[in-house]
Structures are given as structure tokens and as C-alpha cells.
Protein backbone atom coordinates (compact mmCIF):
# COMPACT_ATOMS: atom_id res chain seq x y z
CA UNK A 1 28.71 44.54 -90.85
CA UNK A 2 28.55 47.42 -88.71
CA UNK A 3 31.02 47.53 -85.64
CA UNK A 4 30.59 49.79 -82.66
CA UNK A 5 33.65 51.15 -80.86
CA UNK A 6 33.99 52.35 -77.31
CA UNK A 7 36.72 54.33 -76.26
CA UNK A 8 37.77 54.93 -79.80
CA UNK A 9 39.64 58.23 -78.91
CA UNK A 10 42.23 55.97 -76.70
CA UNK A 11 45.49 55.11 -77.47
CA UNK A 12 44.04 51.41 -78.48
CA UNK A 13 40.61 52.40 -79.31
CA UNK A 14 41.84 54.76 -82.16
CA UNK A 15 44.10 51.97 -83.88
CA UNK A 16 41.14 49.58 -83.76
CA UNK A 17 39.20 52.05 -85.69
CA UNK A 18 42.00 52.71 -88.17
CA UNK A 19 42.23 48.63 -88.53
CA UNK A 20 38.34 48.75 -89.49
CA UNK A 21 38.62 51.58 -92.04
CA UNK A 22 41.38 49.60 -93.66
CA UNK A 23 39.31 46.47 -94.07
CA UNK A 24 36.33 48.70 -95.25
CA UNK A 25 34.02 48.05 -92.41
CA UNK A 26 31.29 50.30 -91.52
CA UNK A 27 32.10 51.82 -88.03
CA UNK A 28 30.22 53.57 -85.19
CA UNK A 29 32.13 55.30 -82.53
CA UNK A 30 31.33 56.90 -79.35
CA UNK A 31 33.32 59.85 -78.48
CA UNK A 32 33.10 62.63 -75.68
CA UNK A 33 32.02 65.99 -76.76
CA UNK A 34 35.56 67.35 -75.74
CA UNK A 35 37.50 64.42 -77.50
CA UNK A 36 39.85 65.17 -80.41
CA UNK A 37 39.87 62.79 -83.31
CA UNK A 38 42.44 61.92 -85.81
CA UNK A 39 41.41 63.57 -89.00
CA UNK A 40 41.65 60.43 -91.04
CA UNK A 41 38.76 59.21 -88.95
CA UNK A 42 37.13 61.87 -88.46
CA UNK A 43 36.40 62.45 -92.31
CA UNK A 44 36.07 58.80 -93.28
CA UNK A 45 32.69 58.05 -94.76
CA UNK A 46 32.70 54.49 -93.30
CA UNK A 47 32.68 56.13 -89.72
CA UNK A 48 29.88 56.95 -87.90
CA UNK A 49 30.48 59.40 -84.86
CA UNK A 50 28.09 59.52 -82.14
CA UNK A 51 28.87 62.28 -79.46
CA UNK A 52 27.76 61.30 -75.58
CA UNK A 53 29.14 59.78 -72.23
CA UNK A 54 27.92 56.35 -72.33
CA UNK A 55 27.98 56.40 -68.38
CA UNK A 56 25.21 59.18 -68.60
CA UNK A 57 23.27 57.51 -71.39
CA UNK A 58 19.53 56.39 -70.41
CA UNK A 59 17.99 52.94 -71.52
CA UNK A 60 16.88 54.12 -74.83
CA UNK A 61 20.19 55.91 -75.65
CA UNK A 62 21.65 52.49 -75.33
CA UNK A 63 19.47 50.75 -77.28
CA UNK A 64 19.74 53.19 -80.12
CA UNK A 65 23.77 53.15 -80.06
CA UNK A 66 23.75 49.49 -80.30
CA UNK A 67 21.11 49.45 -82.87
CA UNK A 68 22.22 48.16 -86.18
CA UNK A 69 25.68 46.78 -84.72
CA UNK A 70 26.57 43.06 -84.96
CA UNK A 71 29.87 43.53 -83.18
CA UNK A 72 30.64 45.65 -80.12
CA UNK A 73 34.40 46.28 -79.12
CA UNK A 74 35.28 47.85 -76.01
CA UNK A 75 38.67 49.68 -75.27
CA UNK A 76 37.08 51.73 -72.83
CA UNK A 77 39.40 52.82 -69.95
CA UNK A 78 39.81 55.75 -67.13
CA UNK A 79 41.89 58.71 -67.82
CA UNK A 80 45.25 58.46 -65.84
CA UNK A 81 44.72 61.56 -63.79
CA UNK A 82 43.66 61.75 -60.27
CA UNK A 83 40.02 62.45 -61.39
CA UNK A 84 40.25 59.44 -63.64
CA UNK A 85 41.79 57.11 -61.50
CA UNK A 86 39.90 57.97 -57.84
CA UNK A 87 36.85 59.81 -59.29
CA UNK A 88 33.21 58.63 -60.81
CA UNK A 89 32.40 56.93 -62.52
CA UNK A 90 34.05 54.03 -60.49
CA UNK A 91 32.76 51.28 -62.85
CA UNK A 92 32.97 52.86 -66.21
CA UNK A 93 33.83 49.65 -68.14
CA UNK A 94 31.79 47.19 -66.01
CA UNK A 95 28.37 49.24 -66.24
CA UNK A 96 28.85 49.92 -70.18
CA UNK A 97 29.29 46.14 -70.63
CA UNK A 98 26.40 44.85 -68.32
CA UNK A 99 23.91 48.00 -69.84
CA UNK A 100 24.84 46.89 -73.19
CA UNK A 101 24.37 43.03 -72.46
CA UNK A 102 21.01 43.92 -71.20
CA UNK A 103 19.99 45.55 -74.14
CA UNK A 104 20.80 43.14 -76.64
CA UNK A 105 19.13 40.52 -74.47
CA UNK A 106 15.55 42.31 -74.52
CA UNK A 107 15.95 43.05 -78.48
CA UNK A 108 14.31 40.46 -80.48
CA UNK A 109 16.33 38.80 -83.17
CA UNK A 110 19.30 40.52 -81.84
CA UNK A 111 22.71 38.88 -81.72
CA UNK A 112 26.15 40.19 -81.20
CA UNK A 113 29.79 39.69 -80.74
CA UNK A 114 31.41 41.65 -77.71
CA UNK A 115 34.82 42.13 -77.89
CA UNK A 116 36.59 43.54 -74.22
CA UNK A 117 39.97 44.68 -74.12
CA UNK A 118 41.06 43.42 -70.40
CA UNK A 119 44.36 42.84 -68.77
CA UNK A 120 46.61 40.01 -67.55
CA UNK A 121 45.79 41.33 -64.39
CA UNK A 122 42.71 39.33 -64.41
CA UNK A 123 42.94 35.76 -63.41
CA UNK A 124 40.58 33.31 -65.06
CA UNK A 125 40.09 30.49 -62.50
CA UNK A 126 37.53 28.71 -64.73
CA UNK A 127 40.36 27.89 -66.76
CA UNK A 128 42.48 26.61 -64.32
CA UNK A 129 44.66 29.61 -63.95
CA UNK A 130 46.48 30.29 -60.51
CA UNK A 131 48.72 32.91 -58.74
CA UNK A 132 51.64 32.60 -56.60
CA UNK A 133 51.46 34.30 -53.08
CA UNK A 134 53.52 37.02 -53.95
CA UNK A 135 51.32 37.85 -57.17
CA UNK A 136 48.10 37.26 -54.93
CA UNK A 137 49.34 39.70 -52.44
CA UNK A 138 50.18 42.34 -55.28
CA UNK A 139 46.96 41.54 -57.07
CA UNK A 140 44.74 42.14 -54.04
CA UNK A 141 46.53 45.33 -53.34
CA UNK A 142 46.10 46.75 -56.89
CA UNK A 143 42.41 45.47 -56.71
CA UNK A 144 42.19 47.20 -53.26
CA UNK A 145 44.12 50.59 -54.28
CA UNK A 146 43.38 51.02 -58.05
CA UNK A 147 39.63 51.41 -58.73
CA UNK A 148 40.18 51.28 -62.70
CA UNK A 149 41.64 47.78 -62.20
CA UNK A 150 39.22 46.67 -59.91
CA UNK A 151 36.69 48.10 -62.91
CA UNK A 152 38.39 46.05 -65.50
CA UNK A 153 38.42 43.02 -63.63
CA UNK A 154 34.63 43.20 -62.87
CA UNK A 155 33.84 43.68 -66.34
CA UNK A 156 35.63 40.70 -67.63
CA UNK A 157 34.24 38.61 -64.77
CA UNK A 158 30.77 39.53 -65.72
CA UNK A 159 31.17 38.25 -69.15
CA UNK A 160 32.77 35.11 -67.93
CA UNK A 161 30.43 34.18 -65.21
CA UNK A 162 27.22 35.96 -65.78
CA UNK A 163 26.88 35.75 -69.56
CA UNK A 164 28.81 32.77 -69.78
CA UNK A 165 29.44 30.45 -72.63
CA UNK A 166 25.75 29.19 -73.55
CA UNK A 167 24.03 32.62 -73.94
CA UNK A 168 22.08 32.54 -77.29
CA UNK A 169 22.25 36.38 -78.08
CA UNK A 170 25.97 37.19 -76.87
CA UNK A 171 29.21 35.59 -77.88
CA UNK A 172 32.38 37.51 -76.51
CA UNK A 173 36.12 37.31 -76.28
CA UNK A 174 38.00 39.10 -73.42
CA UNK A 175 41.75 40.05 -75.02
CA UNK A 176 44.23 40.26 -72.55
CA UNK A 177 47.42 41.96 -73.40
CA UNK A 178 50.52 42.16 -71.21
CA UNK A 179 52.23 45.63 -70.88
CA UNK A 180 51.13 47.93 -73.03
CA UNK A 181 53.86 49.79 -75.49
CA UNK A 182 53.45 51.96 -78.40
CA UNK A 183 54.82 50.84 -81.66
CA UNK A 184 54.28 52.27 -85.25
CA UNK A 185 53.88 48.90 -87.09
CA UNK A 186 52.36 45.54 -86.44
CA UNK A 187 54.68 42.75 -85.70
CA UNK A 188 54.94 39.21 -85.07
CA UNK A 189 52.77 38.48 -81.84
CA UNK A 190 51.42 35.08 -80.41
CA UNK A 191 48.14 34.23 -78.70
CA UNK A 192 48.20 32.18 -75.70
CA UNK A 193 45.26 30.38 -73.83
CA UNK A 194 46.56 31.79 -70.59
CA UNK A 195 49.76 33.67 -69.38
CA UNK A 196 52.83 31.99 -69.86
CA UNK A 197 54.69 34.30 -67.67
CA UNK A 198 54.18 36.40 -64.39
CA UNK A 199 52.42 39.70 -65.11
CA UNK A 200 53.74 41.03 -62.20
CA UNK A 201 57.26 39.53 -61.64
CA UNK A 202 58.16 38.80 -65.45
CA UNK A 203 55.81 41.00 -67.51
CA UNK A 204 55.81 40.54 -71.15
CA UNK A 205 55.25 43.50 -73.68
CA UNK A 206 52.32 43.94 -76.16
CA UNK A 207 51.84 46.71 -78.62
CA UNK A 208 48.86 48.46 -78.89
CA UNK A 209 48.98 48.22 -82.70
CA UNK A 210 48.99 44.25 -82.53
CA UNK A 211 45.98 44.29 -80.06
CA UNK A 212 44.20 46.39 -82.72
CA UNK A 213 45.10 43.86 -85.23
CA UNK A 214 44.10 41.08 -83.26
CA UNK A 215 40.70 42.55 -82.32
CA UNK A 216 40.15 43.12 -85.97
CA UNK A 217 40.83 39.52 -86.88
CA UNK A 218 38.39 38.39 -84.29
CA UNK A 219 35.89 40.56 -86.57
CA UNK A 220 36.61 39.76 -89.79
CA UNK A 221 38.20 36.03 -89.71
CA UNK A 222 35.57 33.49 -88.79
CA UNK A 223 38.15 30.80 -87.76
CA UNK A 224 39.88 33.12 -85.49
CA UNK A 225 36.69 34.12 -83.61
CA UNK A 226 35.69 30.38 -83.35
CA UNK A 227 38.90 29.60 -81.72
CA UNK A 228 38.42 32.15 -79.00
CA UNK A 229 34.89 32.78 -78.34
CA UNK A 230 34.03 32.59 -74.71
CA UNK A 231 37.64 32.57 -73.90
CA UNK A 232 40.56 34.97 -72.68
CA UNK A 233 43.47 35.11 -74.95
CA UNK A 234 46.52 36.35 -73.63
CA UNK A 235 48.50 38.47 -76.77
CA UNK A 236 52.52 38.82 -76.34
CA UNK A 237 54.80 40.64 -78.99
CA UNK A 238 57.12 37.79 -80.00
CA UNK A 239 60.39 40.01 -80.03
CA UNK A 240 60.89 41.61 -76.61
CA UNK A 241 62.56 45.01 -76.31
């Protein structure tokens, strides 16, 4: 098994890489030239480091990036700066997911599991999820005013509606944490098929390390994958701060 991690220097992505290392899984990570890696990742023989910006990769570079990987995890996100939020690329996550999917589809005998870190801000209408009037108004404003939020929704929607649940080459899971918090250690968490509380008016908390643990469980535990493939599970910490 070899896993490709996108967004590997982000707050959640680096935890995913550390979880994979702990389980002795060969991992390829894509990082920007200016990125700073933790020493335990940089010097680990299980980790192959590719330097570049996925939004600038041509088709052959995308093909090469995903080559030999049978799992792809995306923790991509926009930098929380004015340029990161409102500048280009506006569709960093969506473009990466779409281009990787197209690359997989054209390669003979290629099949991957794709795990996308999403958000409870995504409403999976195909699962019967709905929003109240107040939630709908705020979701619409967020989508209008915050390009990164719009990008995340578009990426999730691509997997759910364009790839769907009958693709022979791409199986996927969109992991939806609620409000992200930083904890040093894993704790008890629960996985729900849909939100059990309003992400707008009664948001729960999800520690990044728990997200990384669940994503790695999807990679390594067949039953966990089969339980959640082609679904959009929501993850909450069991204990609320």
C-alpha cells in the first residue's frame, strides 16, 4: 500500500502523515517549496517528499504524482490570509480532486480510494439532509462571501454527483468534521451518517487528531472503509469542551 497525502503540512494533514507513519505505511506527500516539515516526517524513510504546487501541475505531472498510490487523502485548504481566502486559485481543492479523478480514469488497471476532508457546511441532499430557513440563509452568505467555503462544497459535490457510487475506478469518502480544535492526544469520537446538530447554531467540536485517526482507519481497516464508502460521515468528539 502507498498513500498520497495532499495538504500534508497543514494542521490536519501533518497529523494524517504521522498516523500513517505510526502504522508503517509508505506515504508520498506533496508540499510547496516554502513549506516547513516536522523533522519526524522529513527524515522518515517511509515518506517520499514531492515538492510543487498541485494547481500548477500539468497533466503528465498529475499522472506521475498519483502513480503507484492506491489511496489518496486530500487535506488541502486555503491559507487564512487575505490572499489565501480571496486570491487565486479560487478552486484549489475542487481542481485537484477533479484532475486526479480524470487521471485515474484514463489509466488502465488503476483503482484508488479517495478520502476528502470536507466540512459539516456541506449538506448532502442525496442523503435527505435539509437546513432550516436560518441555516439556509447563512450557508448562502458563506458560499457567496467566502471562496474557500465555496471551493470545499464544490469538491465534495463533484465526488457525490459526478463520480457517484458506481464508479469502477474511484471509491471515495468525504469526511465531515464539525468545528475543528487542536488536541495533543486522540480521544473518543463518534461517526454519524449525517449531522446530529446544527453546524451553524449548535456546532460541535472535532479535534484534528481524531480526524486524522478516522482517516487512517479508513485506509487500514477494511470494515471501516466498507461501512463508509460513497458516504459523507460526520465526526464529533464525544466529550465537548
